Amino acid sequence: MKLNWVVSIYWTMSAIYSQLQIIQRRHKVGKSTLTDLQEARASYALSEAQLITAQDNYVDSLEGLTQLTGEPHFEVARLSESFVPDKLEQEELNYWINLAESSNPHLLAARQSINAFRHKIELIQTQNRTEWCRTLPETGLGSKVSHRRIRRTLR
């Protein structure tokens, strides 16, 4: 059974094709303009493209399911209304979460970006942790002011 949206797009395309045929007949007898005919052709071409995209998405989904399960899938059946999935134990849930996180290229790229920024932050913190040759004024009981070089570690 194909997904409903593929079937829906197919029937929409069929309806647009019927409209195109009507407009072509009307144009032949002069009851429709060339603009109407061109718009109908464009609508039909767009619906064809949408159908092809939907079919490709369906095939991609089946291939993804095959990769996930390790078994070839050529069709997907609907789940019954009474279907209730088994509850996962925490270990199983963690396994599936880790598998999803390690297999998702978007998450992997985001994780690499975060690691790069963390490295930059650590580098900046390391450079700033020790302030070199900073001078602070020092006063005593007399009227003399001197400067002392200190090395301070920030945390």
C-alpha atoms as a PDB file:
ATOM      1  CA  MET A   1       0.000   0.000   0.000  1.00  0.00           C
ATOM      2  CA  LYS A   2       1.430   3.353  -0.990  1.00  0.00           C
ATOM      3  CA  LEU A   3       1.232   6.228   1.400  1.00  0.00           C
ATOM      4  CA  ASN A   4      -1.927   8.296   1.266  1.00  0.00           C
ATOM      5  CA  TRP A   5      -0.132  11.461   0.201  1.00  0.00           C
ATOM      6  CA  VAL A   6       1.276   9.779  -2.925  1.00  0.00           C
ATOM      7  CA  VAL A   7      -2.188   8.554  -3.859  1.00  0.00           C
ATOM      8  CA  SER A   8      -3.669  11.968  -3.074  1.00  0.00           C
ATOM      9  CA  ILE A   9      -1.172  13.722  -5.352  1.00  0.00           C
ATOM     10  CA  TYR A  10      -1.901  11.184  -8.096  1.00  0.00           C
ATOM     11  CA  TRP A  11      -5.643  11.915  -7.967  1.00  0.00           C
ATOM     12  CA  THR A  12      -4.990  15.651  -7.860  1.00  0.00           C
ATOM     13  CA  MET A  13      -2.818  15.292 -10.959  1.00  0.00           C
ATOM     14  CA  SER A  14      -5.582  13.314 -12.677  1.00  0.00           C
ATOM     15  CA  ALA A  15      -8.103  16.077 -11.911  1.00  0.00           C
ATOM     16  CA  ILE A  16      -5.734  18.748 -13.240  1.00  0.00           C
ATOM     17  CA  TYR A  17      -5.213  16.682 -16.396  1.00  0.00           C
ATOM     18  CA  SER A  18      -8.981  16.538 -16.915  1.00  0.00           C
ATOM     19  CA  GLN A  19      -9.144  20.330 -16.538  1.00  0.00           C
ATOM     20  CA  LEU A  20      -6.292  20.688 -19.045  1.00  0.00           C
ATOM     21  CA  GLN A  21      -8.172  18.574 -21.600  1.00  0.00           C
ATOM     22  CA  ILE A  22     -11.318  20.684 -21.163  1.00  0.00           C
ATOM     23  CA  ILE A  23      -9.362  23.926 -21.610  1.00  0.00           C
ATOM     24  CA  GLN A  24      -7.603  22.512 -24.704  1.00  0.00           C
ATOM     25  CA  ARG A  25     -10.989  21.685 -26.284  1.00  0.00           C
ATOM     26  CA  ARG A  26     -12.366  25.111 -25.357  1.00  0.00           C
ATOM     27  CA  HIS A  27      -9.254  26.787 -26.808  1.00  0.00           C
ATOM     28  CA  LYS A  28      -9.668  24.931 -30.119  1.00  0.00           C
ATOM     29  CA  VAL A  29     -13.157  26.358 -30.574  1.00  0.00           C
ATOM     30  CA  GLY A  30     -12.121  29.828 -29.363  1.00  0.00           C
ATOM     31  CA  LYS A  31     -13.863  29.828 -25.971  1.00  0.00           C
ATOM     32  CA  SER A  32     -10.655  29.924 -23.938  1.00  0.00           C
ATOM     33  CA  THR A  33      -7.589  32.148 -24.113  1.00  0.00           C
ATOM     34  CA  LEU A  34      -4.018  31.111 -24.772  1.00  0.00           C
ATOM     35  CA  THR A  35      -3.152  32.321 -21.254  1.00  0.00           C
ATOM     36  CA  ASP A  36      -5.718  29.933 -19.749  1.00  0.00           C
ATOM     37  CA  LEU A  37      -4.238  27.088 -21.785  1.00  0.00           C
ATOM     38  CA  GLN A  38      -0.671  27.903 -20.715  1.00  0.00           C
ATOM     39  CA  GLU A  39      -1.698  28.153 -17.057  1.00  0.00           C
ATOM     40  CA  ALA A  40      -3.427  24.769 -17.256  1.00  0.00           C
ATOM     41  CA  ARG A  41      -0.331  23.221 -18.840  1.00  0.00           C
ATOM     42  CA  ALA A  42       1.861  24.746 -16.123  1.00  0.00           C
ATOM     43  CA  SER A  43      -0.451  23.415 -13.402  1.00  0.00           C
ATOM     44  CA  TYR A  44      -0.309  19.951 -14.907  1.00  0.00           C
ATOM     45  CA  ALA A  45       3.499  20.069 -15.193  1.00  0.00           C
ATOM     46  CA  LEU A  46       3.709  21.162 -11.553  1.00  0.00           C
ATOM     47  CA  SER A  47       1.446  18.313 -10.457  1.00  0.00           C
ATOM     48  CA  GLU A  48       3.615  15.843 -12.402  1.00  0.00           C
ATOM     49  CA  ALA A  49       6.703  17.169 -10.615  1.00  0.00           C
ATOM     50  CA  GLN A  50       4.948  16.878  -7.245  1.00  0.00           C
ATOM     51  CA  LEU A  51       3.967  13.280  -7.987  1.00  0.00           C
ATOM     52  CA  ILE A  52       7.527  12.367  -8.975  1.00  0.00           C
ATOM     53  CA  THR A  53       8.858  14.006  -5.803  1.00  0.00           C
ATOM     54  CA  ALA A  54       6.295  12.158  -3.670  1.00  0.00           C
ATOM     55  CA  GLN A  55       7.193   8.837  -5.293  1.00  0.00           C
ATOM     56  CA  ASP A  56      10.906   9.502  -4.762  1.00  0.00           C
ATOM     57  CA  ASN A  57      10.257  10.364  -1.108  1.00  0.00           C
ATOM     58  CA  TYR A  58       8.297   7.125  -0.726  1.00  0.00           C
ATOM     59  CA  VAL A  59      11.134   5.071  -2.225  1.00  0.00           C
ATOM     60  CA  ASP A  60      13.664   6.912  -0.031  1.00  0.00           C
ATOM     61  CA  SER A  61      11.542   6.120   3.019  1.00  0.00           C
ATOM     62  CA  LEU A  62      11.477   2.430   2.116  1.00  0.00           C
ATOM     63  CA  GLU A  63      15.250   2.441   1.639  1.00  0.00           C
ATOM     64  CA  GLY A  64      15.675   4.141   5.007  1.00  0.00           C
ATOM     65  CA  LEU A  65      13.471   1.508   6.606  1.00  0.00           C
ATOM     66  CA  THR A  66      15.554  -1.203   4.941  1.00  0.00           C
ATOM     67  CA  GLN A  67      18.748   0.339   6.341  1.00  0.00           C
ATOM     68  CA  LEU A  68      17.213   0.640   9.780  1.00  0.00           C
ATOM     69  CA  THR A  69      15.861  -2.911   9.983  1.00  0.00           C
ATOM     70  CA  GLY A  70      18.356  -4.724   7.771  1.00  0.00           C
ATOM     71  CA  GLU A  71      15.510  -6.326   5.798  1.00  0.00           C
ATOM     72  CA  PRO A  72      14.267  -5.234   2.366  1.00  0.00           C
ATOM     73  CA  HIS A  73      10.899  -3.470   2.329  1.00  0.00           C
ATOM     74  CA  PHE A  74       8.887  -2.970  -0.840  1.00  0.00           C
ATOM     75  CA  GLU A  75       5.652  -1.894   0.760  1.00  0.00           C
ATOM     76  CA  VAL A  76       4.497  -0.561   4.100  1.00  0.00           C
ATOM     77  CA  ALA A  77       1.301  -1.804   5.693  1.00  0.00           C
ATOM     78  CA  ARG A  78      -0.782   0.350   8.008  1.00  0.00           C
ATOM     79  CA  LEU A  79      -0.676  -0.262  11.721  1.00  0.00           C
ATOM     80  CA  SER A  80      -3.987  -1.316  13.187  1.00  0.00           C
ATOM     81  CA  GLU A  81      -5.873   1.204  15.305  1.00  0.00           C
ATOM     82  CA  SER A  82      -5.383  -0.987  18.374  1.00  0.00           C
ATOM     83  CA  PHE A  83      -1.585  -1.191  18.008  1.00  0.00           C
ATOM     84  CA  VAL A  84       0.305  -0.220  21.160  1.00  0.00           C
ATOM     85  CA  PRO A  85       4.121  -0.468  21.069  1.00  0.00           C
ATOM     86  CA  ASP A  86       5.911  -2.278  23.879  1.00  0.00           C
ATOM     87  CA  LYS A  87       7.496  -0.067  26.485  1.00  0.00           C
ATOM     88  CA  LEU A  88      11.257   0.128  26.216  1.00  0.00           C
ATOM     89  CA  GLU A  89      13.513  -0.563  29.143  1.00  0.00           C
ATOM     90  CA  GLN A  90      15.896   2.278  29.951  1.00  0.00           C
ATOM     91  CA  GLU A  91      18.879   0.392  28.463  1.00  0.00           C
ATOM     92  CA  GLU A  92      17.017  -0.232  25.194  1.00  0.00           C
ATOM     93  CA  LEU A  93      15.895   3.380  25.076  1.00  0.00           C
ATOM     94  CA  ASN A  94      19.465   4.596  25.618  1.00  0.00           C
ATOM     95  CA  TYR A  95      20.677   2.259  22.858  1.00  0.00           C
ATOM     96  CA  TRP A  96      18.171   3.664  20.342  1.00  0.00           C
ATOM     97  CA  ILE A  97      18.893   7.255  21.365  1.00  0.00           C
ATOM     98  CA  ASN A  98      22.650   6.694  20.985  1.00  0.00           C
ATOM     99  CA  LEU A  99      22.121   4.997  17.620  1.00  0.00           C
ATOM    100  CA  ALA A 100      19.991   7.892  16.369  1.00  0.00           C
ATOM    101  CA  GLU A 101      22.442  10.501  17.645  1.00  0.00           C
ATOM    102  CA  SER A 102      25.467   8.736  16.159  1.00  0.00           C
ATOM    103  CA  SER A 103      23.768   8.181  12.788  1.00  0.00           C
ATOM    104  CA  ASN A 104      22.328  11.658  12.244  1.00  0.00           C
ATOM    105  CA  PRO A 105      24.740  13.767  10.152  1.00  0.00           C
ATOM    106  CA  HIS A 106      23.122  17.020  11.306  1.00  0.00           C
ATOM    107  CA  LEU A 107      23.657  16.120  14.953  1.00  0.00           C
ATOM    108  CA  LEU A 108      27.218  14.998  14.247  1.00  0.00           C
ATOM    109  CA  ALA A 109      28.010  18.298  12.522  1.00  0.00           C
ATOM    110  CA  ALA A 110      26.434  20.275  15.370  1.00  0.00           C
ATOM    111  CA  ARG A 111      28.418  18.260  17.920  1.00  0.00           C
ATOM    112  CA  GLN A 112      31.650  18.988  16.006  1.00  0.00           C
ATOM    113  CA  SER A 113      30.820  22.706  15.990  1.00  0.00           C
ATOM    114  CA  ILE A 114      30.189  22.646  19.733  1.00  0.00           C
ATOM    115  CA  ASN A 115      33.480  20.835  20.328  1.00  0.00           C
ATOM    116  CA  ALA A 116      35.345  23.375  18.191  1.00  0.00           C
ATOM    117  CA  PHE A 117      33.820  26.257  20.156  1.00  0.00           C
ATOM    118  CA  ARG A 118      34.643  24.549  23.457  1.00  0.00           C
ATOM    119  CA  HIS A 119      38.241  24.183  22.300  1.00  0.00           C
ATOM    120  CA  LYS A 120      38.383  27.882  21.409  1.00  0.00           C
ATOM    121  CA  ILE A 121      36.923  28.822  24.799  1.00  0.00           C
ATOM    122  CA  GLU A 122      39.455  26.625  26.620  1.00  0.00           C
ATOM    123  CA  LEU A 123      42.273  28.188  24.608  1.00  0.00           C
ATOM    124  CA  ILE A 124      41.117  31.698  25.479  1.00  0.00           C
ATOM    125  CA  GLN A 125      40.665  30.758  29.139  1.00  0.00           C
ATOM    126  CA  THR A 126      44.147  29.244  29.251  1.00  0.00           C
ATOM    127  CA  GLN A 127      45.647  32.385  27.755  1.00  0.00           C
ATOM    128  CA  ASN A 128      43.773  34.609  30.206  1.00  0.00           C
ATOM    129  CA  ARG A 129      44.217  32.424  33.264  1.00  0.00           C
ATOM    130  CA  THR A 130      47.596  33.896  33.950  1.00  0.00           C
ATOM    131  CA  GLU A 131      47.967  37.620  33.568  1.00  0.00           C
ATOM    132  CA  TRP A 132      51.554  38.493  32.810  1.00  0.00           C
ATOM    133  CA  CYS A 133      53.371  41.512  34.204  1.00  0.00           C
ATOM    134  CA  ARG A 134      50.390  43.348  35.511  1.00  0.00           C
ATOM    135  CA  THR A 135      51.285  46.244  37.741  1.00  0.00           C
ATOM    136  CA  LEU A 136      49.202  47.420  40.658  1.00  0.00           C
ATOM    137  CA  PRO A 137      49.842  50.483  42.770  1.00  0.00           C
ATOM    138  CA  GLU A 138      51.108  49.862  46.290  1.00  0.00           C
ATOM    139  CA  THR A 139      50.862  52.371  49.061  1.00  0.00           C
ATOM    140  CA  GLY A 140      52.466  52.425  52.459  1.00  0.00           C
ATOM    141  CA  LEU A 141      52.131  54.513  55.601  1.00  0.00           C
ATOM    142  CA  GLY A 142      54.340  57.185  54.132  1.00  0.00           C
ATOM    143  CA  SER A 143      53.718  59.370  51.177  1.00  0.00           C
ATOM    144  CA  LYS A 144      55.529  57.089  48.742  1.00  0.00           C
ATOM    145  CA  VAL A 145      53.730  55.169  45.951  1.00  0.00           C
ATOM    146  CA  SER A 146      55.450  52.300  44.196  1.00  0.00           C
ATOM    147  CA  HIS A 147      54.439  49.671  41.671  1.00  0.00           C
ATOM    148  CA  ARG A 148      54.878  45.971  42.168  1.00  0.00           C
ATOM    149  CA  ARG A 149      54.770  43.359  39.445  1.00  0.00           C
ATOM    150  CA  ILE A 150      52.440  40.483  40.233  1.00  0.00           C
ATOM    151  CA  ARG A 151      51.417  37.284  38.589  1.00  0.00           C
ATOM    152  CA  ARG A 152      47.842  36.349  39.350  1.00  0.00           C
ATOM    153  CA  THR A 153      45.992  33.154  38.504  1.00  0.00           C
ATOM    154  CA  LEU A 154      42.315  33.559  37.693  1.00  0.00           C
ATOM    155  CA  ARG A 155      39.768  30.851  38.253  1.00  0.00           C
END
